[in-house]
Amino acid sequence: TLESRAAAMEAARHVSEAISAEEEP
């Protein structure tokens, strides 16, 4: 649970950005 849409979207975006194209299944 996160307090806002912006916080949730930013957290999910942060995880995706940390995955390189080579690491992505």
PDBML (XML) file of the C-alpha atoms, coordinates in Angstrom:
<?xml version="1.0" encoding="UTF-8" ?>
<PDBx:datablock datablockName="MODEL"
   xmlns:PDBx="http://pdbml.pdb.org/schema/pdbx-v50.xsd"
   xmlns:xsi="http://www.w3.org/2001/XMLSchema-instance"
   xsi:schemaLocation="http://pdbml.pdb.org/schema/pdbx-v50.xsd pdbx-v50.xsd">
   <PDBx:atom_siteCategory>
      <PDBx:atom_site id="1">
         <PDBx:B_iso_or_equiv>0.00</PDBx:B_iso_or_equiv>
         <PDBx:Cartn_x>0.000</PDBx:Cartn_x>
         <PDBx:Cartn_y>0.000</PDBx:Cartn_y>
         <PDBx:Cartn_z>0.000</PDBx:Cartn_z>
         <PDBx:auth_asym_id>A</PDBx:auth_asym_id>
         <PDBx:auth_atom_id>CA</PDBx:auth_atom_id>
         <PDBx:auth_comp_id>THR</PDBx:auth_comp_id>
         <PDBx:auth_seq_id>1</PDBx:auth_seq_id>
         <PDBx:group_PDB>ATOM</PDBx:group_PDB>
         <PDBx:label_alt_id xsi:nil="true" />
         <PDBx:label_asym_id>A</PDBx:label_asym_id>
         <PDBx:label_atom_id>CA</PDBx:label_atom_id>
         <PDBx:label_comp_id>THR</PDBx:label_comp_id>
         <PDBx:label_entity_id>1</PDBx:label_entity_id>
         <PDBx:label_seq_id>1</PDBx:label_seq_id>
         <PDBx:occupancy>1.00</PDBx:occupancy>
         <PDBx:pdbx_PDB_model_num>1</PDBx:pdbx_PDB_model_num>
         <PDBx:type_symbol>C</PDBx:type_symbol>
      </PDBx:atom_site>
      <PDBx:atom_site id="2">
         <PDBx:B_iso_or_equiv>0.00</PDBx:B_iso_or_equiv>
         <PDBx:Cartn_x>1.209</PDBx:Cartn_x>
         <PDBx:Cartn_y>3.484</PDBx:Cartn_y>
         <PDBx:Cartn_z>-0.911</PDBx:Cartn_z>
         <PDBx:auth_asym_id>A</PDBx:auth_asym_id>
         <PDBx:auth_atom_id>CA</PDBx:auth_atom_id>
         <PDBx:auth_comp_id>LEU</PDBx:auth_comp_id>
         <PDBx:auth_seq_id>2</PDBx:auth_seq_id>
         <PDBx:group_PDB>ATOM</PDBx:group_PDB>
         <PDBx:label_alt_id xsi:nil="true" />
         <PDBx:label_asym_id>A</PDBx:label_asym_id>
         <PDBx:label_atom_id>CA</PDBx:label_atom_id>
         <PDBx:label_comp_id>LEU</PDBx:label_comp_id>
         <PDBx:label_entity_id>1</PDBx:label_entity_id>
         <PDBx:label_seq_id>2</PDBx:label_seq_id>
         <PDBx:occupancy>1.00</PDBx:occupancy>
         <PDBx:pdbx_PDB_model_num>1</PDBx:pdbx_PDB_model_num>
         <PDBx:type_symbol>C</PDBx:type_symbol>
      </PDBx:atom_site>
      <PDBx:atom_site id="3">
         <PDBx:B_iso_or_equiv>0.00</PDBx:B_iso_or_equiv>
         <PDBx:Cartn_x>-0.343</PDBx:Cartn_x>
         <PDBx:Cartn_y>6.822</PDBx:Cartn_y>
         <PDBx:Cartn_z>-0.074</PDBx:Cartn_z>
         <PDBx:auth_asym_id>A</PDBx:auth_asym_id>
         <PDBx:auth_atom_id>CA</PDBx:auth_atom_id>
         <PDBx:auth_comp_id>GLU</PDBx:auth_comp_id>
         <PDBx:auth_seq_id>3</PDBx:auth_seq_id>
         <PDBx:group_PDB>ATOM</PDBx:group_PDB>
         <PDBx:label_alt_id xsi:nil="true" />
         <PDBx:label_asym_id>A</PDBx:label_asym_id>
         <PDBx:label_atom_id>CA</PDBx:label_atom_id>
         <PDBx:label_comp_id>GLU</PDBx:label_comp_id>
         <PDBx:label_entity_id>1</PDBx:label_entity_id>
         <PDBx:label_seq_id>3</PDBx:label_seq_id>
         <PDBx:occupancy>1.00</PDBx:occupancy>
         <PDBx:pdbx_PDB_model_num>1</PDBx:pdbx_PDB_model_num>
         <PDBx:type_symbol>C</PDBx:type_symbol>
      </PDBx:atom_site>
      <PDBx:atom_site id="4">
         <PDBx:B_iso_or_equiv>0.00</PDBx:B_iso_or_equiv>
         <PDBx:Cartn_x>-0.961</PDBx:Cartn_x>
         <PDBx:Cartn_y>8.133</PDBx:Cartn_y>
         <PDBx:Cartn_z>-3.586</PDBx:Cartn_z>
         <PDBx:auth_asym_id>A</PDBx:auth_asym_id>
         <PDBx:auth_atom_id>CA</PDBx:auth_atom_id>
         <PDBx:auth_comp_id>SER</PDBx:auth_comp_id>
         <PDBx:auth_seq_id>4</PDBx:auth_seq_id>
         <PDBx:group_PDB>ATOM</PDBx:group_PDB>
         <PDBx:label_alt_id xsi:nil="true" />
         <PDBx:label_asym_id>A</PDBx:label_asym_id>
         <PDBx:label_atom_id>CA</PDBx:label_atom_id>
         <PDBx:label_comp_id>SER</PDBx:label_comp_id>
         <PDBx:label_entity_id>1</PDBx:label_entity_id>
         <PDBx:label_seq_id>4</PDBx:label_seq_id>
         <PDBx:occupancy>1.00</PDBx:occupancy>
         <PDBx:pdbx_PDB_model_num>1</PDBx:pdbx_PDB_model_num>
         <PDBx:type_symbol>C</PDBx:type_symbol>
      </PDBx:atom_site>
      <PDBx:atom_site id="5">
         <PDBx:B_iso_or_equiv>0.00</PDBx:B_iso_or_equiv>
         <PDBx:Cartn_x>-1.144</PDBx:Cartn_x>
         <PDBx:Cartn_y>7.244</PDBx:Cartn_y>
         <PDBx:Cartn_z>-7.249</PDBx:Cartn_z>
         <PDBx:auth_asym_id>A</PDBx:auth_asym_id>
         <PDBx:auth_atom_id>CA</PDBx:auth_atom_id>
         <PDBx:auth_comp_id>ARG</PDBx:auth_comp_id>
         <PDBx:auth_seq_id>5</PDBx:auth_seq_id>
         <PDBx:group_PDB>ATOM</PDBx:group_PDB>
         <PDBx:label_alt_id xsi:nil="true" />
         <PDBx:label_asym_id>A</PDBx:label_asym_id>
         <PDBx:label_atom_id>CA</PDBx:label_atom_id>
         <PDBx:label_comp_id>ARG</PDBx:label_comp_id>
         <PDBx:label_entity_id>1</PDBx:label_entity_id>
         <PDBx:label_seq_id>5</PDBx:label_seq_id>
         <PDBx:occupancy>1.00</PDBx:occupancy>
         <PDBx:pdbx_PDB_model_num>1</PDBx:pdbx_PDB_model_num>
         <PDBx:type_symbol>C</PDBx:type_symbol>
      </PDBx:atom_site>
      <PDBx:atom_site id="6">
         <PDBx:B_iso_or_equiv>0.00</PDBx:B_iso_or_equiv>
         <PDBx:Cartn_x>1.981</PDBx:Cartn_x>
         <PDBx:Cartn_y>9.299</PDBx:Cartn_y>
         <PDBx:Cartn_z>-7.907</PDBx:Cartn_z>
         <PDBx:auth_asym_id>A</PDBx:auth_asym_id>
         <PDBx:auth_atom_id>CA</PDBx:auth_atom_id>
         <PDBx:auth_comp_id>ALA</PDBx:auth_comp_id>
         <PDBx:auth_seq_id>6</PDBx:auth_seq_id>
         <PDBx:group_PDB>ATOM</PDBx:group_PDB>
         <PDBx:label_alt_id xsi:nil="true" />
         <PDBx:label_asym_id>A</PDBx:label_asym_id>
         <PDBx:label_atom_id>CA</PDBx:label_atom_id>
         <PDBx:label_comp_id>ALA</PDBx:label_comp_id>
         <PDBx:label_entity_id>1</PDBx:label_entity_id>
         <PDBx:label_seq_id>6</PDBx:label_seq_id>
         <PDBx:occupancy>1.00</PDBx:occupancy>
         <PDBx:pdbx_PDB_model_num>1</PDBx:pdbx_PDB_model_num>
         <PDBx:type_symbol>C</PDBx:type_symbol>
      </PDBx:atom_site>
      <PDBx:atom_site id="7">
         <PDBx:B_iso_or_equiv>0.00</PDBx:B_iso_or_equiv>
         <PDBx:Cartn_x>3.957</PDBx:Cartn_x>
         <PDBx:Cartn_y>7.417</PDBx:Cartn_y>
         <PDBx:Cartn_z>-5.248</PDBx:Cartn_z>
         <PDBx:auth_asym_id>A</PDBx:auth_asym_id>
         <PDBx:auth_atom_id>CA</PDBx:auth_atom_id>
         <PDBx:auth_comp_id>ALA</PDBx:auth_comp_id>
         <PDBx:auth_seq_id>7</PDBx:auth_seq_id>
         <PDBx:group_PDB>ATOM</PDBx:group_PDB>
         <PDBx:label_alt_id xsi:nil="true" />
         <PDBx:label_asym_id>A</PDBx:label_asym_id>
         <PDBx:label_atom_id>CA</PDBx:label_atom_id>
         <PDBx:label_comp_id>ALA</PDBx:label_comp_id>
         <PDBx:label_entity_id>1</PDBx:label_entity_id>
         <PDBx:label_seq_id>7</PDBx:label_seq_id>
         <PDBx:occupancy>1.00</PDBx:occupancy>
         <PDBx:pdbx_PDB_model_num>1</PDBx:pdbx_PDB_model_num>
         <PDBx:type_symbol>C</PDBx:type_symbol>
      </PDBx:atom_site>
      <PDBx:atom_site id="8">
         <PDBx:B_iso_or_equiv>0.00</PDBx:B_iso_or_equiv>
         <PDBx:Cartn_x>2.792</PDBx:Cartn_x>
         <PDBx:Cartn_y>4.016</PDBx:Cartn_y>
         <PDBx:Cartn_z>-6.520</PDBx:Cartn_z>
         <PDBx:auth_asym_id>A</PDBx:auth_asym_id>
         <PDBx:auth_atom_id>CA</PDBx:auth_atom_id>
         <PDBx:auth_comp_id>ALA</PDBx:auth_comp_id>
         <PDBx:auth_seq_id>8</PDBx:auth_seq_id>
         <PDBx:group_PDB>ATOM</PDBx:group_PDB>
         <PDBx:label_alt_id xsi:nil="true" />
         <PDBx:label_asym_id>A</PDBx:label_asym_id>
         <PDBx:label_atom_id>CA</PDBx:label_atom_id>
         <PDBx:label_comp_id>ALA</PDBx:label_comp_id>
         <PDBx:label_entity_id>1</PDBx:label_entity_id>
         <PDBx:label_seq_id>8</PDBx:label_seq_id>
         <PDBx:occupancy>1.00</PDBx:occupancy>
         <PDBx:pdbx_PDB_model_num>1</PDBx:pdbx_PDB_model_num>
         <PDBx:type_symbol>C</PDBx:type_symbol>
      </PDBx:atom_site>
      <PDBx:atom_site id="9">
         <PDBx:B_iso_or_equiv>0.00</PDBx:B_iso_or_equiv>
         <PDBx:Cartn_x>3.493</PDBx:Cartn_x>
         <PDBx:Cartn_y>4.827</PDBx:Cartn_y>
         <PDBx:Cartn_z>-10.165</PDBx:Cartn_z>
         <PDBx:auth_asym_id>A</PDBx:auth_asym_id>
         <PDBx:auth_atom_id>CA</PDBx:auth_atom_id>
         <PDBx:auth_comp_id>MET</PDBx:auth_comp_id>
         <PDBx:auth_seq_id>9</PDBx:auth_seq_id>
         <PDBx:group_PDB>ATOM</PDBx:group_PDB>
         <PDBx:label_alt_id xsi:nil="true" />
         <PDBx:label_asym_id>A</PDBx:label_asym_id>
         <PDBx:label_atom_id>CA</PDBx:label_atom_id>
         <PDBx:label_comp_id>MET</PDBx:label_comp_id>
         <PDBx:label_entity_id>1</PDBx:label_entity_id>
         <PDBx:label_seq_id>9</PDBx:label_seq_id>
         <PDBx:occupancy>1.00</PDBx:occupancy>
         <PDBx:pdbx_PDB_model_num>1</PDBx:pdbx_PDB_model_num>
         <PDBx:type_symbol>C</PDBx:type_symbol>
      </PDBx:atom_site>
      <PDBx:atom_site id="10">
         <PDBx:B_iso_or_equiv>0.00</PDBx:B_iso_or_equiv>
         <PDBx:Cartn_x>6.921</PDBx:Cartn_x>
         <PDBx:Cartn_y>6.256</PDBx:Cartn_y>
         <PDBx:Cartn_z>-9.301</PDBx:Cartn_z>
         <PDBx:auth_asym_id>A</PDBx:auth_asym_id>
         <PDBx:auth_atom_id>CA</PDBx:auth_atom_id>
         <PDBx:auth_comp_id>GLU</PDBx:auth_comp_id>
         <PDBx:auth_seq_id>10</PDBx:auth_seq_id>
         <PDBx:group_PDB>ATOM</PDBx:group_PDB>
         <PDBx:label_alt_id xsi:nil="true" />
         <PDBx:label_asym_id>A</PDBx:label_asym_id>
         <PDBx:label_atom_id>CA</PDBx:label_atom_id>
         <PDBx:label_comp_id>GLU</PDBx:label_comp_id>
         <PDBx:label_entity_id>1</PDBx:label_entity_id>
         <PDBx:label_seq_id>10</PDBx:label_seq_id>
         <PDBx:occupancy>1.00</PDBx:occupancy>
         <PDBx:pdbx_PDB_model_num>1</PDBx:pdbx_PDB_model_num>
         <PDBx:type_symbol>C</PDBx:type_symbol>
      </PDBx:atom_site>
      <PDBx:atom_site id="11">
         <PDBx:B_iso_or_equiv>0.00</PDBx:B_iso_or_equiv>
         <PDBx:Cartn_x>7.846</PDBx:Cartn_x>
         <PDBx:Cartn_y>3.190</PDBx:Cartn_y>
         <PDBx:Cartn_z>-7.241</PDBx:Cartn_z>
         <PDBx:auth_asym_id>A</PDBx:auth_asym_id>
         <PDBx:auth_atom_id>CA</PDBx:auth_atom_id>
         <PDBx:auth_comp_id>ALA</PDBx:auth_comp_id>
         <PDBx:auth_seq_id>11</PDBx:auth_seq_id>
         <PDBx:group_PDB>ATOM</PDBx:group_PDB>
         <PDBx:label_alt_id xsi:nil="true" />
         <PDBx:label_asym_id>A</PDBx:label_asym_id>
         <PDBx:label_atom_id>CA</PDBx:label_atom_id>
         <PDBx:label_comp_id>ALA</PDBx:label_comp_id>
         <PDBx:label_entity_id>1</PDBx:label_entity_id>
         <PDBx:label_seq_id>11</PDBx:label_seq_id>
         <PDBx:occupancy>1.00</PDBx:occupancy>
         <PDBx:pdbx_PDB_model_num>1</PDBx:pdbx_PDB_model_num>
         <PDBx:type_symbol>C</PDBx:type_symbol>
      </PDBx:atom_site>
      <PDBx:atom_site id="12">
         <PDBx:B_iso_or_equiv>0.00</PDBx:B_iso_or_equiv>
         <PDBx:Cartn_x>6.798</PDBx:Cartn_x>
         <PDBx:Cartn_y>0.799</PDBx:Cartn_y>
         <PDBx:Cartn_z>-10.025</PDBx:Cartn_z>
         <PDBx:auth_asym_id>A</PDBx:auth_asym_id>
         <PDBx:auth_atom_id>CA</PDBx:auth_atom_id>
         <PDBx:auth_comp_id>ALA</PDBx:auth_comp_id>
         <PDBx:auth_seq_id>12</PDBx:auth_seq_id>
         <PDBx:group_PDB>ATOM</PDBx:group_PDB>
         <PDBx:label_alt_id xsi:nil="true" />
         <PDBx:label_asym_id>A</PDBx:label_asym_id>
         <PDBx:label_atom_id>CA</PDBx:label_atom_id>
         <PDBx:label_comp_id>ALA</PDBx:label_comp_id>
         <PDBx:label_entity_id>1</PDBx:label_entity_id>
         <PDBx:label_seq_id>12</PDBx:label_seq_id>
         <PDBx:occupancy>1.00</PDBx:occupancy>
         <PDBx:pdbx_PDB_model_num>1</PDBx:pdbx_PDB_model_num>
         <PDBx:type_symbol>C</PDBx:type_symbol>
      </PDBx:atom_site>
      <PDBx:atom_site id="13">
         <PDBx:B_iso_or_equiv>0.00</PDBx:B_iso_or_equiv>
         <PDBx:Cartn_x>8.589</PDBx:Cartn_x>
         <PDBx:Cartn_y>2.954</PDBx:Cartn_y>
         <PDBx:Cartn_z>-12.612</PDBx:Cartn_z>
         <PDBx:auth_asym_id>A</PDBx:auth_asym_id>
         <PDBx:auth_atom_id>CA</PDBx:auth_atom_id>
         <PDBx:auth_comp_id>ARG</PDBx:auth_comp_id>
         <PDBx:auth_seq_id>13</PDBx:auth_seq_id>
         <PDBx:group_PDB>ATOM</PDBx:group_PDB>
         <PDBx:label_alt_id xsi:nil="true" />
         <PDBx:label_asym_id>A</PDBx:label_asym_id>
         <PDBx:label_atom_id>CA</PDBx:label_atom_id>
         <PDBx:label_comp_id>ARG</PDBx:label_comp_id>
         <PDBx:label_entity_id>1</PDBx:label_entity_id>
         <PDBx:label_seq_id>13</PDBx:label_seq_id>
         <PDBx:occupancy>1.00</PDBx:occupancy>
         <PDBx:pdbx_PDB_model_num>1</PDBx:pdbx_PDB_model_num>
         <PDBx:type_symbol>C</PDBx:type_symbol>
      </PDBx:atom_site>
      <PDBx:atom_site id="14">
         <PDBx:B_iso_or_equiv>0.00</PDBx:B_iso_or_equiv>
         <PDBx:Cartn_x>11.741</PDBx:Cartn_x>
         <PDBx:Cartn_y>2.961</PDBx:Cartn_y>
         <PDBx:Cartn_z>-10.464</PDBx:Cartn_z>
         <PDBx:auth_asym_id>A</PDBx:auth_asym_id>
         <PDBx:auth_atom_id>CA</PDBx:auth_atom_id>
         <PDBx:auth_comp_id>HIS</PDBx:auth_comp_id>
         <PDBx:auth_seq_id>14</PDBx:auth_seq_id>
         <PDBx:group_PDB>ATOM</PDBx:group_PDB>
         <PDBx:label_alt_id xsi:nil="true" />
         <PDBx:label_asym_id>A</PDBx:label_asym_id>
         <PDBx:label_atom_id>CA</PDBx:label_atom_id>
         <PDBx:label_comp_id>HIS</PDBx:label_comp_id>
         <PDBx:label_entity_id>1</PDBx:label_entity_id>
         <PDBx:label_seq_id>14</PDBx:label_seq_id>
         <PDBx:occupancy>1.00</PDBx:occupancy>
         <PDBx:pdbx_PDB_model_num>1</PDBx:pdbx_PDB_model_num>
         <PDBx:type_symbol>C</PDBx:type_symbol>
      </PDBx:atom_site>
      <PDBx:atom_site id="15">
         <PDBx:B_iso_or_equiv>0.00</PDBx:B_iso_or_equiv>
         <PDBx:Cartn_x>11.808</PDBx:Cartn_x>
         <PDBx:Cartn_y>-0.845</PDBx:Cartn_y>
         <PDBx:Cartn_z>-10.406</PDBx:Cartn_z>
         <PDBx:auth_asym_id>A</PDBx:auth_asym_id>
         <PDBx:auth_atom_id>CA</PDBx:auth_atom_id>
         <PDBx:auth_comp_id>VAL</PDBx:auth_comp_id>
         <PDBx:auth_seq_id>15</PDBx:auth_seq_id>
         <PDBx:group_PDB>ATOM</PDBx:group_PDB>
         <PDBx:label_alt_id xsi:nil="true" />
         <PDBx:label_asym_id>A</PDBx:label_asym_id>
         <PDBx:label_atom_id>CA</PDBx:label_atom_id>
         <PDBx:label_comp_id>VAL</PDBx:label_comp_id>
         <PDBx:label_entity_id>1</PDBx:label_entity_id>
         <PDBx:label_seq_id>15</PDBx:label_seq_id>
         <PDBx:occupancy>1.00</PDBx:occupancy>
         <PDBx:pdbx_PDB_model_num>1</PDBx:pdbx_PDB_model_num>
         <PDBx:type_symbol>C</PDBx:type_symbol>
      </PDBx:atom_site>
      <PDBx:atom_site id="16">
         <PDBx:B_iso_or_equiv>0.00</PDBx:B_iso_or_equiv>
         <PDBx:Cartn_x>11.303</PDBx:Cartn_x>
         <PDBx:Cartn_y>-1.102</PDBx:Cartn_y>
         <PDBx:Cartn_z>-14.180</PDBx:Cartn_z>
         <PDBx:auth_asym_id>A</PDBx:auth_asym_id>
         <PDBx:auth_atom_id>CA</PDBx:auth_atom_id>
         <PDBx:auth_comp_id>SER</PDBx:auth_comp_id>
         <PDBx:auth_seq_id>16</PDBx:auth_seq_id>
         <PDBx:group_PDB>ATOM</PDBx:group_PDB>
         <PDBx:label_alt_id xsi:nil="true" />
         <PDBx:label_asym_id>A</PDBx:label_asym_id>
         <PDBx:label_atom_id>CA</PDBx:label_atom_id>
         <PDBx:label_comp_id>SER</PDBx:label_comp_id>
         <PDBx:label_entity_id>1</PDBx:label_entity_id>
         <PDBx:label_seq_id>16</PDBx:label_seq_id>
         <PDBx:occupancy>1.00</PDBx:occupancy>
         <PDBx:pdbx_PDB_model_num>1</PDBx:pdbx_PDB_model_num>
         <PDBx:type_symbol>C</PDBx:type_symbol>
      </PDBx:atom_site>
      <PDBx:atom_site id="17">
         <PDBx:B_iso_or_equiv>0.00</PDBx:B_iso_or_equiv>
         <PDBx:Cartn_x>14.057</PDBx:Cartn_x>
         <PDBx:Cartn_y>1.413</PDBx:Cartn_y>
         <PDBx:Cartn_z>-14.853</PDBx:Cartn_z>
         <PDBx:auth_asym_id>A</PDBx:auth_asym_id>
         <PDBx:auth_atom_id>CA</PDBx:auth_atom_id>
         <PDBx:auth_comp_id>GLU</PDBx:auth_comp_id>
         <PDBx:auth_seq_id>17</PDBx:auth_seq_id>
         <PDBx:group_PDB>ATOM</PDBx:group_PDB>
         <PDBx:label_alt_id xsi:nil="true" />
         <PDBx:label_asym_id>A</PDBx:label_asym_id>
         <PDBx:label_atom_id>CA</PDBx:label_atom_id>
         <PDBx:label_comp_id>GLU</PDBx:label_comp_id>
         <PDBx:label_entity_id>1</PDBx:label_entity_id>
         <PDBx:label_seq_id>17</PDBx:label_seq_id>
         <PDBx:occupancy>1.00</PDBx:occupancy>
         <PDBx:pdbx_PDB_model_num>1</PDBx:pdbx_PDB_model_num>
         <PDBx:type_symbol>C</PDBx:type_symbol>
      </PDBx:atom_site>
      <PDBx:atom_site id="18">
         <PDBx:B_iso_or_equiv>0.00</PDBx:B_iso_or_equiv>
         <PDBx:Cartn_x>16.474</PDBx:Cartn_x>
         <PDBx:Cartn_y>-0.653</PDBx:Cartn_y>
         <PDBx:Cartn_z>-12.773</PDBx:Cartn_z>
         <PDBx:auth_asym_id>A</PDBx:auth_asym_id>
         <PDBx:auth_atom_id>CA</PDBx:auth_atom_id>
         <PDBx:auth_comp_id>ALA</PDBx:auth_comp_id>
         <PDBx:auth_seq_id>18</PDBx:auth_seq_id>
         <PDBx:group_PDB>ATOM</PDBx:group_PDB>
         <PDBx:label_alt_id xsi:nil="true" />
         <PDBx:label_asym_id>A</PDBx:label_asym_id>
         <PDBx:label_atom_id>CA</PDBx:label_atom_id>
         <PDBx:label_comp_id>ALA</PDBx:label_comp_id>
         <PDBx:label_entity_id>1</PDBx:label_entity_id>
         <PDBx:label_seq_id>18</PDBx:label_seq_id>
         <PDBx:occupancy>1.00</PDBx:occupancy>
         <PDBx:pdbx_PDB_model_num>1</PDBx:pdbx_PDB_model_num>
         <PDBx:type_symbol>C</PDBx:type_symbol>
      </PDBx:atom_site>
      <PDBx:atom_site id="19">
         <PDBx:B_iso_or_equiv>0.00</PDBx:B_iso_or_equiv>
         <PDBx:Cartn_x>15.999</PDBx:Cartn_x>
         <PDBx:Cartn_y>-3.682</PDBx:Cartn_y>
         <PDBx:Cartn_z>-15.081</PDBx:Cartn_z>
         <PDBx:auth_asym_id>A</PDBx:auth_asym_id>
         <PDBx:auth_atom_id>CA</PDBx:auth_atom_id>
         <PDBx:auth_comp_id>ILE</PDBx:auth_comp_id>
         <PDBx:auth_seq_id>19</PDBx:auth_seq_id>
         <PDBx:group_PDB>ATOM</PDBx:group_PDB>
         <PDBx:label_alt_id xsi:nil="true" />
         <PDBx:label_asym_id>A</PDBx:label_asym_id>
         <PDBx:label_atom_id>CA</PDBx:label_atom_id>
         <PDBx:label_comp_id>ILE</PDBx:label_comp_id>
         <PDBx:label_entity_id>1</PDBx:label_entity_id>
         <PDBx:label_seq_id>19</PDBx:label_seq_id>
         <PDBx:occupancy>1.00</PDBx:occupancy>
         <PDBx:pdbx_PDB_model_num>1</PDBx:pdbx_PDB_model_num>
         <PDBx:type_symbol>C</PDBx:type_symbol>
      </PDBx:atom_site>
      <PDBx:atom_site id="20">
         <PDBx:B_iso_or_equiv>0.00</PDBx:B_iso_or_equiv>
         <PDBx:Cartn_x>18.231</PDBx:Cartn_x>
         <PDBx:Cartn_y>-3.657</PDBx:Cartn_y>
         <PDBx:Cartn_z>-18.134</PDBx:Cartn_z>
         <PDBx:auth_asym_id>A</PDBx:auth_asym_id>
         <PDBx:auth_atom_id>CA</PDBx:auth_atom_id>
         <PDBx:auth_comp_id>SER</PDBx:auth_comp_id>
         <PDBx:auth_seq_id>20</PDBx:auth_seq_id>
         <PDBx:group_PDB>ATOM</PDBx:group_PDB>
         <PDBx:label_alt_id xsi:nil="true" />
         <PDBx:label_asym_id>A</PDBx:label_asym_id>
         <PDBx:label_atom_id>CA</PDBx:label_atom_id>
         <PDBx:label_comp_id>SER</PDBx:label_comp_id>
         <PDBx:label_entity_id>1</PDBx:label_entity_id>
         <PDBx:label_seq_id>20</PDBx:label_seq_id>
         <PDBx:occupancy>1.00</PDBx:occupancy>
         <PDBx:pdbx_PDB_model_num>1</PDBx:pdbx_PDB_model_num>
         <PDBx:type_symbol>C</PDBx:type_symbol>
      </PDBx:atom_site>
      <PDBx:atom_site id="21">
         <PDBx:B_iso_or_equiv>0.00</PDBx:B_iso_or_equiv>
         <PDBx:Cartn_x>17.059</PDBx:Cartn_x>
         <PDBx:Cartn_y>-4.974</PDBx:Cartn_y>
         <PDBx:Cartn_z>-21.489</PDBx:Cartn_z>
         <PDBx:auth_asym_id>A</PDBx:auth_asym_id>
         <PDBx:auth_atom_id>CA</PDBx:auth_atom_id>
         <PDBx:auth_comp_id>ALA</PDBx:auth_comp_id>
         <PDBx:auth_seq_id>21</PDBx:auth_seq_id>
         <PDBx:group_PDB>ATOM</PDBx:group_PDB>
         <PDBx:label_alt_id xsi:nil="true" />
         <PDBx:label_asym_id>A</PDBx:label_asym_id>
         <PDBx:label_atom_id>CA</PDBx:label_atom_id>
         <PDBx:label_comp_id>ALA</PDBx:label_comp_id>
         <PDBx:label_entity_id>1</PDBx:label_entity_id>
         <PDBx:label_seq_id>21</PDBx:label_seq_id>
         <PDBx:occupancy>1.00</PDBx:occupancy>
         <PDBx:pdbx_PDB_model_num>1</PDBx:pdbx_PDB_model_num>
         <PDBx:type_symbol>C</PDBx:type_symbol>
      </PDBx:atom_site>
      <PDBx:atom_site id="22">
         <PDBx:B_iso_or_equiv>0.00</PDBx:B_iso_or_equiv>
         <PDBx:Cartn_x>19.437</PDBx:Cartn_x>
         <PDBx:Cartn_y>-7.923</PDBx:Cartn_y>
         <PDBx:Cartn_z>-21.045</PDBx:Cartn_z>
         <PDBx:auth_asym_id>A</PDBx:auth_asym_id>
         <PDBx:auth_atom_id>CA</PDBx:auth_atom_id>
         <PDBx:auth_comp_id>GLU</PDBx:auth_comp_id>
         <PDBx:auth_seq_id>22</PDBx:auth_seq_id>
         <PDBx:group_PDB>ATOM</PDBx:group_PDB>
         <PDBx:label_alt_id xsi:nil="true" />
         <PDBx:label_asym_id>A</PDBx:label_asym_id>
         <PDBx:label_atom_id>CA</PDBx:label_atom_id>
         <PDBx:label_comp_id>GLU</PDBx:label_comp_id>
         <PDBx:label_entity_id>1</PDBx:label_entity_id>
         <PDBx:label_seq_id>22</PDBx:label_seq_id>
         <PDBx:occupancy>1.00</PDBx:occupancy>
         <PDBx:pdbx_PDB_model_num>1</PDBx:pdbx_PDB_model_num>
         <PDBx:type_symbol>C</PDBx:type_symbol>
      </PDBx:atom_site>
      <PDBx:atom_site id="23">
         <PDBx:B_iso_or_equiv>0.00</PDBx:B_iso_or_equiv>
         <PDBx:Cartn_x>17.941</PDBx:Cartn_x>
         <PDBx:Cartn_y>-8.786</PDBx:Cartn_y>
         <PDBx:Cartn_z>-17.645</PDBx:Cartn_z>
         <PDBx:auth_asym_id>A</PDBx:auth_asym_id>
         <PDBx:auth_atom_id>CA</PDBx:auth_atom_id>
         <PDBx:auth_comp_id>GLU</PDBx:auth_comp_id>
         <PDBx:auth_seq_id>23</PDBx:auth_seq_id>
         <PDBx:group_PDB>ATOM</PDBx:group_PDB>
         <PDBx:label_alt_id xsi:nil="true" />
         <PDBx:label_asym_id>A</PDBx:label_asym_id>
         <PDBx:label_atom_id>CA</PDBx:label_atom_id>
         <PDBx:label_comp_id>GLU</PDBx:label_comp_id>
         <PDBx:label_entity_id>1</PDBx:label_entity_id>
         <PDBx:label_seq_id>23</PDBx:label_seq_id>
         <PDBx:occupancy>1.00</PDBx:occupancy>
         <PDBx:pdbx_PDB_model_num>1</PDBx:pdbx_PDB_model_num>
         <PDBx:type_symbol>C</PDBx:type_symbol>
      </PDBx:atom_site>
      <PDBx:atom_site id="24">
         <PDBx:B_iso_or_equiv>0.00</PDBx:B_iso_or_equiv>
         <PDBx:Cartn_x>14.305</PDBx:Cartn_x>
         <PDBx:Cartn_y>-8.576</PDBx:Cartn_y>
         <PDBx:Cartn_z>-18.753</PDBx:Cartn_z>
         <PDBx:auth_asym_id>A</PDBx:auth_asym_id>
         <PDBx:auth_atom_id>CA</PDBx:auth_atom_id>
         <PDBx:auth_comp_id>GLU</PDBx:auth_comp_id>
         <PDBx:auth_seq_id>24</PDBx:auth_seq_id>
         <PDBx:group_PDB>ATOM</PDBx:group_PDB>
         <PDBx:label_alt_id xsi:nil="true" />
         <PDBx:label_asym_id>A</PDBx:label_asym_id>
         <PDBx:label_atom_id>CA</PDBx:label_atom_id>
         <PDBx:label_comp_id>GLU</PDBx:label_comp_id>
         <PDBx:label_entity_id>1</PDBx:label_entity_id>
         <PDBx:label_seq_id>24</PDBx:label_seq_id>
         <PDBx:occupancy>1.00</PDBx:occupancy>
         <PDBx:pdbx_PDB_model_num>1</PDBx:pdbx_PDB_model_num>
         <PDBx:type_symbol>C</PDBx:type_symbol>
      </PDBx:atom_site>
      <PDBx:atom_site id="25">
         <PDBx:B_iso_or_equiv>0.00</PDBx:B_iso_or_equiv>
         <PDBx:Cartn_x>12.771</PDBx:Cartn_x>
         <PDBx:Cartn_y>-11.997</PDBx:Cartn_y>
         <PDBx:Cartn_z>-19.432</PDBx:Cartn_z>
         <PDBx:auth_asym_id>A</PDBx:auth_asym_id>
         <PDBx:auth_atom_id>CA</PDBx:auth_atom_id>
         <PDBx:auth_comp_id>PRO</PDBx:auth_comp_id>
         <PDBx:auth_seq_id>25</PDBx:auth_seq_id>
         <PDBx:group_PDB>ATOM</PDBx:group_PDB>
         <PDBx:label_alt_id xsi:nil="true" />
         <PDBx:label_asym_id>A</PDBx:label_asym_id>
         <PDBx:label_atom_id>CA</PDBx:label_atom_id>
         <PDBx:label_comp_id>PRO</PDBx:label_comp_id>
         <PDBx:label_entity_id>1</PDBx:label_entity_id>
         <PDBx:label_seq_id>25</PDBx:label_seq_id>
         <PDBx:occupancy>1.00</PDBx:occupancy>
         <PDBx:pdbx_PDB_model_num>1</PDBx:pdbx_PDB_model_num>
         <PDBx:type_symbol>C</PDBx:type_symbol>
      </PDBx:atom_site>
   </PDBx:atom_siteCategory>
</PDBx:datablock>
